Amino acid sequence: MMELLTVREVAAYLKTTRQQVRRMIQCGELRAVKVGREYRITLAALAEFLEE
């Protein structure tokens, strides 16, 4: 099963704000899945973002 991270967890890892993470998702820089009203980011998507 793949691990899903919250916007808050990704923001803390990247040392940025939750708003900036949401902007990256909206712009297509960071792939995410919407679960209900919140976004979730897979570890694979985060690794792909960091490699770019």
Protein backbone atom coordinates (compact mmCIF):
# COMPACT_ATOMS: atom_id res chain seq x y z
CA MET A 1 0.00 0.00 0.00
CA MET A 2 1.36 3.42 -0.89
CA GLU A 3 1.87 5.97 1.83
CA LEU A 4 -0.01 9.26 1.50
CA LEU A 5 1.26 12.48 3.03
CA THR A 6 -0.83 15.47 4.01
CA VAL A 7 -0.18 18.98 2.75
CA ARG A 8 1.03 19.85 6.26
CA GLU A 9 3.54 16.97 6.28
CA VAL A 10 4.91 17.90 2.86
CA ALA A 11 5.18 21.56 3.86
CA ALA A 12 7.15 20.61 6.97
CA TYR A 13 9.45 18.33 4.95
CA LEU A 14 10.09 21.03 2.32
CA LYS A 15 10.34 23.74 5.01
CA THR A 16 7.69 25.87 3.33
CA THR A 17 4.08 26.84 3.97
CA ARG A 18 0.95 24.82 3.37
CA GLN A 19 -0.25 27.55 1.01
CA GLN A 20 2.89 27.17 -1.12
CA VAL A 21 2.39 23.40 -1.33
CA ARG A 22 -1.22 23.96 -2.45
CA ARG A 23 0.02 26.41 -5.12
CA MET A 24 2.51 23.81 -6.38
CA ILE A 25 -0.32 21.28 -6.62
CA GLN A 26 -2.62 23.73 -8.46
CA CYS A 27 0.17 24.66 -10.93
CA GLY A 28 0.89 21.00 -11.64
CA GLU A 29 4.42 21.08 -10.19
CA LEU A 30 3.50 18.51 -7.53
CA ARG A 31 1.14 15.61 -8.24
CA ALA A 32 -1.56 15.04 -5.64
CA VAL A 33 -4.86 13.23 -5.12
CA LYS A 34 -7.88 14.94 -3.66
CA VAL A 35 -9.45 12.95 -0.85
CA GLY A 36 -12.66 14.65 0.20
CA ARG A 37 -11.74 18.31 0.59
CA GLU A 38 -8.04 17.75 1.23
CA TYR A 39 -5.06 16.87 -0.95
CA ARG A 40 -2.80 13.89 -0.35
CA ILE A 41 0.64 13.46 -1.89
CA THR A 42 2.30 10.09 -2.44
CA LEU A 43 5.92 9.51 -1.49
CA ALA A 44 6.62 8.71 -5.16
CA ALA A 45 5.16 12.07 -6.27
CA LEU A 46 7.26 13.88 -3.67
CA ALA A 47 10.42 12.04 -4.77
CA GLU A 48 9.65 12.88 -8.41
CA PHE A 49 9.22 16.56 -7.48
CA LEU A 50 12.54 16.61 -5.63
CA GLU A 51 14.39 15.02 -8.57
CA GLU A 52 13.33 17.82 -10.94
